[in-house]
Amino acid sequence: MDLTDLHIFRSVVQAGGVTRAAEKLNRVQSNVTTRVRQLESDLGVELFVREGKKLHLSSEGKLLLDYADRLLDLAEEAREAVHDAEPRGLLRLGTGESTAAMRLPVPMNDYLGRYPDVTLELRTGNTRELGAAVRHAPIKSPRDARPQTVLAFESGCSYRQRLEDWFAHHGEMPDRIVEITSYHAMLGCVVAGMGISLMPRNVLTTFPDAKLLSVHSLPPALAHAPTCLIRRKGTLAPKVSALIEVLLAHTDTGKKRRAARSNGRGARSLG
């Protein structure tokens, strides 16, 4: 499921039809129709009941609309969390019973008065459990990752399969998998607290707010994913041989660079 497809689907519902939605989205009508049809094909259900040129939400469409609203709103919150310095969104605050009763009411009333776009979620508990919730306990097994939502590419992605295998090996399964189409969207959603994800560590070097993430390594047996070159059996044209030669040379160079870094200051450890 693509967030853009969900946005188009919701726009069609809100506009009351494809034509108006296309105008609002600044897209041609055929493109909007195609994207809605593709979404229906991916899900294997009809989202609209079609009566001539009129569209009515099916029962499956009504169900998806609720999820689309939540996913799109959360994605927008993630973008704001990364780029917007103005206080807004959900603030989760944990405190002891006495502090909540005696010391917080007046300053929290002042805070919410100054920043009306912030929604406060107050939780009371003992110091140990509240401190553990802030520190993000290390994820050493699938049980530590539950009941988190997993953010992943569509089925067929090798990283998603590796993560599902990790869960299955321990007799666990993620409570929910949300499909997202780009690494940066995944990372933005992770920062917003939507769930957890699995990706190559070097992807984090391209993300400007990596310091906001807690990073956990997989067990050694799953931590290394070889990249394979697939070619037709029995054919090895000179251009393919040359490609293999260049790829292997760069692989050796990469190994030497990593070895040099590990012998120097060492890799940076996050989370």
C-alpha atoms as a PDB file:
ATOM      1  CA  MET A   1       0.000   0.000   0.000  1.00  0.00           C
ATOM      2  CA  ASP A   2       1.391   3.359  -1.110  1.00  0.00           C
ATOM      3  CA  LEU A   3       0.715   6.541   0.884  1.00  0.00           C
ATOM      4  CA  THR A   4       0.142   8.379  -2.397  1.00  0.00           C
ATOM      5  CA  ASP A   5      -2.515   5.845  -3.375  1.00  0.00           C
ATOM      6  CA  LEU A   6      -4.175   6.308   0.003  1.00  0.00           C
ATOM      7  CA  HIS A   7      -4.087  10.087  -0.472  1.00  0.00           C
ATOM      8  CA  ILE A   8      -5.713   9.768  -3.895  1.00  0.00           C
ATOM      9  CA  PHE A   9      -8.326   7.350  -2.530  1.00  0.00           C
ATOM     10  CA  ARG A  10      -9.206   9.713   0.313  1.00  0.00           C
ATOM     11  CA  SER A  11      -9.345  12.664  -2.067  1.00  0.00           C
ATOM     12  CA  VAL A  12     -11.850  10.830  -4.272  1.00  0.00           C
ATOM     13  CA  VAL A  13     -14.020  10.164  -1.219  1.00  0.00           C
ATOM     14  CA  GLN A  14     -13.781  13.746   0.039  1.00  0.00           C
ATOM     15  CA  ALA A  15     -14.389  15.285  -3.398  1.00  0.00           C
ATOM     16  CA  GLY A  16     -17.307  12.989  -4.124  1.00  0.00           C
ATOM     17  CA  GLY A  17     -15.888  11.647  -7.370  1.00  0.00           C
ATOM     18  CA  VAL A  18     -12.896  11.175  -9.632  1.00  0.00           C
ATOM     19  CA  THR A  19     -13.349  14.345 -11.701  1.00  0.00           C
ATOM     20  CA  ARG A  20     -13.325  16.729  -8.756  1.00  0.00           C
ATOM     21  CA  ALA A  21     -10.553  14.800  -7.054  1.00  0.00           C
ATOM     22  CA  ALA A  22      -8.406  15.054 -10.200  1.00  0.00           C
ATOM     23  CA  GLU A  23      -8.913  18.826 -10.263  1.00  0.00           C
ATOM     24  CA  LYS A  24      -8.020  19.115  -6.589  1.00  0.00           C
ATOM     25  CA  LEU A  25      -4.917  16.934  -6.994  1.00  0.00           C
ATOM     26  CA  ASN A  26      -3.896  18.593 -10.276  1.00  0.00           C
ATOM     27  CA  ARG A  27      -3.847  15.202 -12.001  1.00  0.00           C
ATOM     28  CA  VAL A  28      -5.525  13.932 -15.133  1.00  0.00           C
ATOM     29  CA  GLN A  29      -8.701  11.991 -14.477  1.00  0.00           C
ATOM     30  CA  SER A  30      -7.386   8.770 -16.035  1.00  0.00           C
ATOM     31  CA  ASN A  31      -4.419   8.786 -13.647  1.00  0.00           C
ATOM     32  CA  VAL A  32      -6.668   9.065 -10.598  1.00  0.00           C
ATOM     33  CA  THR A  33      -8.869   6.246 -11.899  1.00  0.00           C
ATOM     34  CA  THR A  34      -5.845   4.049 -12.574  1.00  0.00           C
ATOM     35  CA  ARG A  35      -4.367   4.613  -9.110  1.00  0.00           C
ATOM     36  CA  VAL A  36      -7.671   3.749  -7.428  1.00  0.00           C
ATOM     37  CA  ARG A  37      -7.979   0.600  -9.567  1.00  0.00           C
ATOM     38  CA  GLN A  38      -4.390  -0.373  -8.680  1.00  0.00           C
ATOM     39  CA  LEU A  39      -5.129   0.061  -4.993  1.00  0.00           C
ATOM     40  CA  GLU A  40      -8.204  -2.144  -5.329  1.00  0.00           C
ATOM     41  CA  SER A  41      -6.129  -4.734  -7.193  1.00  0.00           C
ATOM     42  CA  ASP A  42      -3.413  -4.709  -4.535  1.00  0.00           C
ATOM     43  CA  LEU A  43      -5.963  -5.178  -1.756  1.00  0.00           C
ATOM     44  CA  GLY A  44      -8.100  -7.645  -3.682  1.00  0.00           C
ATOM     45  CA  VAL A  45     -11.357  -5.812  -2.881  1.00  0.00           C
ATOM     46  CA  GLU A  46     -13.611  -3.189  -4.476  1.00  0.00           C
ATOM     47  CA  LEU A  47     -13.429   0.057  -2.540  1.00  0.00           C
ATOM     48  CA  PHE A  48     -16.325   1.676  -4.401  1.00  0.00           C
ATOM     49  CA  VAL A  49     -19.727   0.560  -5.613  1.00  0.00           C
ATOM     50  CA  ARG A  50     -20.018   2.017  -9.110  1.00  0.00           C
ATOM     51  CA  GLU A  51     -23.384   3.128 -10.450  1.00  0.00           C
ATOM     52  CA  GLY A  52     -22.727   4.723 -13.812  1.00  0.00           C
ATOM     53  CA  LYS A  53     -20.488   7.705 -13.091  1.00  0.00           C
ATOM     54  CA  LYS A  54     -21.428   7.766  -9.402  1.00  0.00           C
ATOM     55  CA  LEU A  55     -19.191   6.227  -6.763  1.00  0.00           C
ATOM     56  CA  HIS A  56     -20.287   5.010  -3.348  1.00  0.00           C
ATOM     57  CA  LEU A  57     -17.944   3.606  -0.732  1.00  0.00           C
ATOM     58  CA  SER A  58     -18.219  -0.142  -0.263  1.00  0.00           C
ATOM     59  CA  SER A  59     -18.027  -1.630   3.243  1.00  0.00           C
ATOM     60  CA  GLU A  60     -14.334  -2.402   2.585  1.00  0.00           C
ATOM     61  CA  GLY A  61     -13.831   1.165   1.383  1.00  0.00           C
ATOM     62  CA  LYS A  62     -15.311   2.573   4.594  1.00  0.00           C
ATOM     63  CA  LEU A  63     -12.978   0.373   6.608  1.00  0.00           C
ATOM     64  CA  LEU A  64      -9.928   1.434   4.584  1.00  0.00           C
ATOM     65  CA  LEU A  65     -10.887   5.120   4.841  1.00  0.00           C
ATOM     66  CA  ASP A  66     -10.503   4.963   8.613  1.00  0.00           C
ATOM     67  CA  TYR A  67      -6.996   3.472   8.262  1.00  0.00           C
ATOM     68  CA  ALA A  68      -6.122   5.927   5.471  1.00  0.00           C
ATOM     69  CA  ASP A  69      -7.060   8.872   7.693  1.00  0.00           C
ATOM     70  CA  ARG A  70      -4.874   7.572  10.510  1.00  0.00           C
ATOM     71  CA  LEU A  71      -1.887   6.673   8.315  1.00  0.00           C
ATOM     72  CA  LEU A  72      -1.921   9.927   6.336  1.00  0.00           C
ATOM     73  CA  ASP A  73      -2.373  12.035   9.455  1.00  0.00           C
ATOM     74  CA  LEU A  74       0.485  10.182  11.149  1.00  0.00           C
ATOM     75  CA  ALA A  75       2.716  10.624   8.092  1.00  0.00           C
ATOM     76  CA  GLU A  76       1.981  14.360   8.170  1.00  0.00           C
ATOM     77  CA  GLU A  77       2.794  14.416  11.869  1.00  0.00           C
ATOM     78  CA  ALA A  78       6.091  12.688  11.087  1.00  0.00           C
ATOM     79  CA  ARG A  79       6.976  15.331   8.502  1.00  0.00           C
ATOM     80  CA  GLU A  80       6.119  18.085  10.970  1.00  0.00           C
ATOM     81  CA  ALA A  81       8.125  16.415  13.719  1.00  0.00           C
ATOM     82  CA  VAL A  82      11.201  16.393  11.492  1.00  0.00           C
ATOM     83  CA  HIS A  83      10.898  19.878   9.977  1.00  0.00           C
ATOM     84  CA  ASP A  84       8.641  22.017  12.194  1.00  0.00           C
ATOM     85  CA  ALA A  85      10.037  23.620  15.352  1.00  0.00           C
ATOM     86  CA  GLU A  86       6.615  24.813  16.562  1.00  0.00           C
ATOM     87  CA  PRO A  87       5.325  22.625  19.455  1.00  0.00           C
ATOM     88  CA  ARG A  88       2.473  20.478  18.178  1.00  0.00           C
ATOM     89  CA  GLY A  89       1.225  16.909  18.165  1.00  0.00           C
ATOM     90  CA  LEU A  90       1.108  14.301  20.921  1.00  0.00           C
ATOM     91  CA  LEU A  91       3.195  14.813  24.094  1.00  0.00           C
ATOM     92  CA  ARG A  92       3.494  11.694  26.263  1.00  0.00           C
ATOM     93  CA  LEU A  93       4.421  12.622  29.830  1.00  0.00           C
ATOM     94  CA  GLY A  94       5.057  10.171  32.660  1.00  0.00           C
ATOM     95  CA  THR A  95       5.131  11.081  36.336  1.00  0.00           C
ATOM     96  CA  GLY A  96       4.500   9.803  39.854  1.00  0.00           C
ATOM     97  CA  GLU A  97       1.053  10.063  41.439  1.00  0.00           C
ATOM     98  CA  SER A  98       1.983  12.812  43.883  1.00  0.00           C
ATOM     99  CA  THR A  99       3.611  14.976  41.212  1.00  0.00           C
ATOM    100  CA  ALA A 100       0.603  14.584  38.934  1.00  0.00           C
ATOM    101  CA  ALA A 101      -1.757  15.584  41.724  1.00  0.00           C
ATOM    102  CA  MET A 102       0.168  18.393  43.428  1.00  0.00           C
ATOM    103  CA  ARG A 103       2.793  19.923  41.155  1.00  0.00           C
ATOM    104  CA  LEU A 104       1.773  19.481  37.504  1.00  0.00           C
ATOM    105  CA  PRO A 105      -1.776  20.867  37.138  1.00  0.00           C
ATOM    106  CA  VAL A 106      -0.859  24.578  37.119  1.00  0.00           C
ATOM    107  CA  PRO A 107       2.248  24.405  34.846  1.00  0.00           C
ATOM    108  CA  MET A 108       0.512  21.960  32.477  1.00  0.00           C
ATOM    109  CA  ASN A 109      -2.487  24.270  32.228  1.00  0.00           C
ATOM    110  CA  ASP A 110      -0.100  27.118  31.376  1.00  0.00           C
ATOM    111  CA  TYR A 111       1.780  24.955  28.844  1.00  0.00           C
ATOM    112  CA  LEU A 112      -1.365  23.830  27.000  1.00  0.00           C
ATOM    113  CA  GLY A 113      -2.631  27.399  26.992  1.00  0.00           C
ATOM    114  CA  ARG A 114       0.544  28.559  25.246  1.00  0.00           C
ATOM    115  CA  TYR A 115       0.675  25.655  22.798  1.00  0.00           C
ATOM    116  CA  PRO A 116      -2.891  24.654  21.857  1.00  0.00           C
ATOM    117  CA  ASP A 117      -1.661  22.378  19.053  1.00  0.00           C
ATOM    118  CA  VAL A 118      -0.128  20.011  21.609  1.00  0.00           C
ATOM    119  CA  THR A 119      -2.199  17.075  22.893  1.00  0.00           C
ATOM    120  CA  LEU A 120      -1.122  15.860  26.332  1.00  0.00           C
ATOM    121  CA  GLU A 121      -1.160  12.167  27.253  1.00  0.00           C
ATOM    122  CA  LEU A 122      -0.343  11.796  30.960  1.00  0.00           C
ATOM    123  CA  ARG A 123       0.728   8.460  32.436  1.00  0.00           C
ATOM    124  CA  THR A 124       1.421   7.780  36.091  1.00  0.00           C
ATOM    125  CA  GLY A 125       3.678   5.062  37.435  1.00  0.00           C
ATOM    126  CA  ASN A 126       6.807   4.346  39.436  1.00  0.00           C
ATOM    127  CA  THR A 127      10.183   5.832  38.608  1.00  0.00           C
ATOM    128  CA  ARG A 128      11.725   2.574  37.380  1.00  0.00           C
ATOM    129  CA  GLU A 129       9.069   1.728  34.799  1.00  0.00           C
ATOM    130  CA  LEU A 130       8.751   5.304  33.569  1.00  0.00           C
ATOM    131  CA  GLY A 131      12.520   5.585  33.179  1.00  0.00           C
ATOM    132  CA  ALA A 132      12.597   2.315  31.213  1.00  0.00           C
ATOM    133  CA  ALA A 133       9.893   3.615  28.876  1.00  0.00           C
ATOM    134  CA  VAL A 134      11.986   6.690  28.065  1.00  0.00           C
ATOM    135  CA  ARG A 135      15.249   4.805  27.562  1.00  0.00           C
ATOM    136  CA  HIS A 136      13.788   2.401  24.943  1.00  0.00           C
ATOM    137  CA  ALA A 137      14.931  -0.984  26.154  1.00  0.00           C
ATOM    138  CA  PRO A 138      17.230  -2.802  23.690  1.00  0.00           C
ATOM    139  CA  ILE A 139      15.528  -5.095  21.207  1.00  0.00           C
ATOM    140  CA  LYS A 140      17.258  -8.455  21.560  1.00  0.00           C
ATOM    141  CA  SER A 141      14.385 -10.731  20.552  1.00  0.00           C
ATOM    142  CA  PRO A 142      11.045 -10.433  18.711  1.00  0.00           C
ATOM    143  CA  ARG A 143       9.297 -10.418  22.075  1.00  0.00           C
ATOM    144  CA  ASP A 144      11.071  -7.135  22.920  1.00  0.00           C
ATOM    145  CA  ALA A 145       9.681  -5.651  19.694  1.00  0.00           C
ATOM    146  CA  ARG A 146       6.056  -6.412  20.439  1.00  0.00           C
ATOM    147  CA  PRO A 147       3.461  -4.903  20.426  1.00  0.00           C
ATOM    148  CA  GLN A 148       5.135  -2.501  17.993  1.00  0.00           C
ATOM    149  CA  THR A 149       3.882  -1.998  14.461  1.00  0.00           C
ATOM    150  CA  VAL A 150       6.406  -3.057  11.796  1.00  0.00           C
ATOM    151  CA  LEU A 151       7.045  -0.610   8.954  1.00  0.00           C
ATOM    152  CA  ALA A 152       8.246  -2.338   5.784  1.00  0.00           C
ATOM    153  CA  PHE A 153       8.247  -2.398   2.008  1.00  0.00           C
ATOM    154  CA  GLU A 154       5.690  -4.553   0.200  1.00  0.00           C
ATOM    155  CA  SER A 155       5.829  -8.341   0.340  1.00  0.00           C
ATOM    156  CA  GLY A 156       8.824  -9.633  -1.647  1.00  0.00           C
ATOM    157  CA  CYS A 157      11.356  -7.244  -0.082  1.00  0.00           C
ATOM    158  CA  SER A 158      14.307  -9.265   1.252  1.00  0.00           C
ATOM    159  CA  TYR A 159      14.606  -7.089   4.377  1.00  0.00           C
ATOM    160  CA  ARG A 160      10.945  -7.558   5.199  1.00  0.00           C
ATOM    161  CA  GLN A 161      11.348 -11.307   4.692  1.00  0.00           C
ATOM    162  CA  ARG A 162      14.406 -11.327   6.970  1.00  0.00           C
ATOM    163  CA  LEU A 163      12.444  -9.547   9.693  1.00  0.00           C
ATOM    164  CA  GLU A 164       9.457 -11.883   9.329  1.00  0.00           C
ATOM    165  CA  ASP A 165      11.826 -14.880   9.499  1.00  0.00           C
ATOM    166  CA  TRP A 166      13.321 -13.477  12.711  1.00  0.00           C
ATOM    167  CA  PHE A 167       9.884 -13.251  14.285  1.00  0.00           C
ATOM    168  CA  ALA A 168       8.819 -16.691  13.018  1.00  0.00           C
ATOM    169  CA  HIS A 169      12.014 -18.369  14.279  1.00  0.00           C
ATOM    170  CA  HIS A 170      11.043 -17.328  17.808  1.00  0.00           C
ATOM    171  CA  GLY A 171       7.394 -18.302  17.409  1.00  0.00           C
ATOM    172  CA  GLU A 172       6.244 -14.687  17.258  1.00  0.00           C
ATOM    173  CA  MET A 173       4.611 -12.472  14.660  1.00  0.00           C
ATOM    174  CA  PRO A 174       4.355  -8.674  14.536  1.00  0.00           C
ATOM    175  CA  ASP A 175       0.952  -7.357  15.563  1.00  0.00           C
ATOM    176  CA  ARG A 176       0.657  -5.288  12.397  1.00  0.00           C
ATOM    177  CA  ILE A 177       2.700  -4.545   9.261  1.00  0.00           C
ATOM    178  CA  VAL A 178       2.272  -1.187   7.533  1.00  0.00           C
ATOM    179  CA  GLU A 179       3.694  -1.009   4.007  1.00  0.00           C
ATOM    180  CA  ILE A 180       5.610   2.176   3.149  1.00  0.00           C
ATOM    181  CA  THR A 181       7.360   2.929  -0.121  1.00  0.00           C
ATOM    182  CA  SER A 182      10.560   4.747   0.917  1.00  0.00           C
ATOM    183  CA  TYR A 183      13.202   4.498   3.611  1.00  0.00           C
ATOM    184  CA  HIS A 184      12.919   8.165   4.583  1.00  0.00           C
ATOM    185  CA  ALA A 185       9.147   7.855   5.035  1.00  0.00           C
ATOM    186  CA  MET A 186       9.765   4.817   7.241  1.00  0.00           C
ATOM    187  CA  LEU A 187      12.319   6.701   9.318  1.00  0.00           C
ATOM    188  CA  GLY A 188      10.004   9.688   9.689  1.00  0.00           C
ATOM    189  CA  CYS A 189       7.240   7.399  10.935  1.00  0.00           C
ATOM    190  CA  VAL A 190       9.657   5.698  13.355  1.00  0.00           C
ATOM    191  CA  VAL A 191      10.656   9.103  14.762  1.00  0.00           C
ATOM    192  CA  ALA A 192       6.958   9.879  15.254  1.00  0.00           C
ATOM    193  CA  GLY A 193       6.574   6.675  17.287  1.00  0.00           C
ATOM    194  CA  MET A 194       4.521   4.744  14.738  1.00  0.00           C
ATOM    195  CA  GLY A 195       6.576   1.545  14.905  1.00  0.00           C
ATOM    196  CA  ILE A 196       9.881  -0.173  14.159  1.00  0.00           C
ATOM    197  CA  SER A 197      11.632  -1.016  10.906  1.00  0.00           C
ATOM    198  CA  LEU A 198      14.561  -3.001   9.509  1.00  0.00           C
ATOM    199  CA  MET A 199      17.002  -1.488   7.036  1.00  0.00           C
ATOM    200  CA  PRO A 200      20.718  -1.276   6.193  1.00  0.00           C
ATOM    201  CA  ARG A 201      22.623   0.776   8.760  1.00  0.00           C
ATOM    202  CA  ASN A 202      24.159   2.978   6.046  1.00  0.00           C
ATOM    203  CA  VAL A 203      20.688   4.301   5.184  1.00  0.00           C
ATOM    204  CA  LEU A 204      20.858   6.236   8.447  1.00  0.00           C
ATOM    205  CA  THR A 205      23.770   8.302   7.125  1.00  0.00           C
ATOM    206  CA  THR A 206      21.355   9.972   4.681  1.00  0.00           C
ATOM    207  CA  PHE A 207      18.725  10.763   7.331  1.00  0.00           C
ATOM    208  CA  PRO A 208      19.177  14.200   8.949  1.00  0.00           C
ATOM    209  CA  ASP A 209      17.563  13.246  12.274  1.00  0.00           C
ATOM    210  CA  ALA A 210      19.258   9.898  12.920  1.00  0.00           C
ATOM    211  CA  LYS A 211      20.073  11.104  16.439  1.00  0.00           C
ATOM    212  CA  LEU A 212      16.363  10.798  17.267  1.00  0.00           C
ATOM    213  CA  LEU A 213      16.399   7.064  16.540  1.00  0.00           C
ATOM    214  CA  SER A 214      17.244   4.110  18.735  1.00  0.00           C
ATOM    215  CA  VAL A 215      19.229   1.578  16.673  1.00  0.00           C
ATOM    216  CA  HIS A 216      19.354  -2.137  17.505  1.00  0.00           C
ATOM    217  CA  SER A 217      21.419  -4.769  15.685  1.00  0.00           C
ATOM    218  CA  LEU A 218      20.061  -8.150  14.627  1.00  0.00           C
ATOM    219  CA  PRO A 219      21.739 -11.356  15.845  1.00  0.00           C
ATOM    220  CA  PRO A 220      24.924 -12.156  13.843  1.00  0.00           C
ATOM    221  CA  ALA A 221      23.187 -14.927  11.888  1.00  0.00           C
ATOM    222  CA  LEU A 222      20.727 -12.405  10.440  1.00  0.00           C
ATOM    223  CA  ALA A 223      22.784  -9.212  10.557  1.00  0.00           C
ATOM    224  CA  HIS A 224      24.561  -9.614   7.207  1.00  0.00           C
ATOM    225  CA  ALA A 225      22.592  -9.643   3.953  1.00  0.00           C
ATOM    226  CA  PRO A 226      24.551 -10.557   0.816  1.00  0.00           C
ATOM    227  CA  THR A 227      23.625  -8.755  -2.397  1.00  0.00           C
ATOM    228  CA  CYS A 228      23.295 -11.181  -5.317  1.00  0.00           C
ATOM    229  CA  LEU A 229      23.728 -10.621  -9.040  1.00  0.00           C
ATOM    230  CA  ILE A 230      21.232 -12.764 -10.956  1.00  0.00           C
ATOM    231  CA  ARG A 231      21.952 -13.595 -14.603  1.00  0.00           C
ATOM    232  CA  ARG A 232      20.763 -16.126 -17.143  1.00  0.00           C
ATOM    233  CA  LYS A 233      22.332 -19.556 -16.792  1.00  0.00           C
ATOM    234  CA  GLY A 234      24.877 -20.462 -19.469  1.00  0.00           C
ATOM    235  CA  THR A 235      25.423 -16.919 -20.723  1.00  0.00           C
ATOM    236  CA  LEU A 236      28.364 -14.804 -19.685  1.00  0.00           C
ATOM    237  CA  ALA A 237      28.826 -12.024 -22.210  1.00  0.00           C
ATOM    238  CA  PRO A 238      31.953  -9.845 -21.951  1.00  0.00           C
ATOM    239  CA  LYS A 239      29.880  -6.922 -20.657  1.00  0.00           C
ATOM    240  CA  VAL A 240      28.506  -9.100 -17.848  1.00  0.00           C
ATOM    241  CA  SER A 241      31.993 -10.392 -16.982  1.00  0.00           C
ATOM    242  CA  ALA A 242      33.225  -6.807 -16.861  1.00  0.00           C
ATOM    243  CA  LEU A 243      30.346  -5.813 -14.572  1.00  0.00           C
ATOM    244  CA  ILE A 244      31.155  -8.684 -12.195  1.00  0.00           C
ATOM    245  CA  GLU A 245      34.806  -7.651 -12.151  1.00  0.00           C
ATOM    246  CA  VAL A 246      33.967  -4.043 -11.251  1.00  0.00           C
ATOM    247  CA  LEU A 247      31.455  -5.063  -8.579  1.00  0.00           C
ATOM    248  CA  LEU A 248      33.923  -7.434  -6.953  1.00  0.00           C
ATOM    249  CA  ALA A 249      36.628  -4.767  -6.984  1.00  0.00           C
ATOM    250  CA  HIS A 250      34.330  -2.321  -5.223  1.00  0.00           C
ATOM    251  CA  THR A 251      33.285  -5.007  -2.760  1.00  0.00           C
ATOM    252  CA  ASP A 252      36.941  -5.620  -1.850  1.00  0.00           C
ATOM    253  CA  THR A 253      37.504  -1.866  -1.518  1.00  0.00           C
ATOM    254  CA  GLY A 254      34.500  -1.557   0.781  1.00  0.00           C
ATOM    255  CA  LYS A 255      35.756  -4.404   2.968  1.00  0.00           C
ATOM    256  CA  LYS A 256      39.173  -2.760   3.276  1.00  0.00           C
ATOM    257  CA  ARG A 257      37.593   0.579   4.217  1.00  0.00           C
ATOM    258  CA  ARG A 258      35.410  -1.033   6.875  1.00  0.00           C
ATOM    259  CA  ALA A 259      38.398  -2.908   8.271  1.00  0.00           C
ATOM    260  CA  ALA A 260      40.394   0.338   8.420  1.00  0.00           C
ATOM    261  CA  ARG A 261      37.570   2.084  10.288  1.00  0.00           C
ATOM    262  CA  SER A 262      37.226  -0.768  12.773  1.00  0.00           C
ATOM    263  CA  ASN A 263      40.984  -0.660  13.443  1.00  0.00           C
ATOM    264  CA  GLY A 264      40.804   3.083  14.016  1.00  0.00           C
ATOM    265  CA  ARG A 265      38.315   4.879  16.236  1.00  0.00           C
ATOM    266  CA  GLY A 266      35.570   2.310  15.784  1.00  0.00           C
ATOM    267  CA  ALA A 267      32.031   2.550  14.558  1.00  0.00           C
ATOM    268  CA  ARG A 268      29.565   4.938  16.128  1.00  0.00           C
ATOM    269  CA  SER A 269      27.062   3.141  18.317  1.00  0.00           C
ATOM    270  CA  LEU A 270      23.504   4.484  18.519  1.00  0.00           C
ATOM    271  CA  GLY A 271      20.787   3.587  20.972  1.00  0.00           C
END
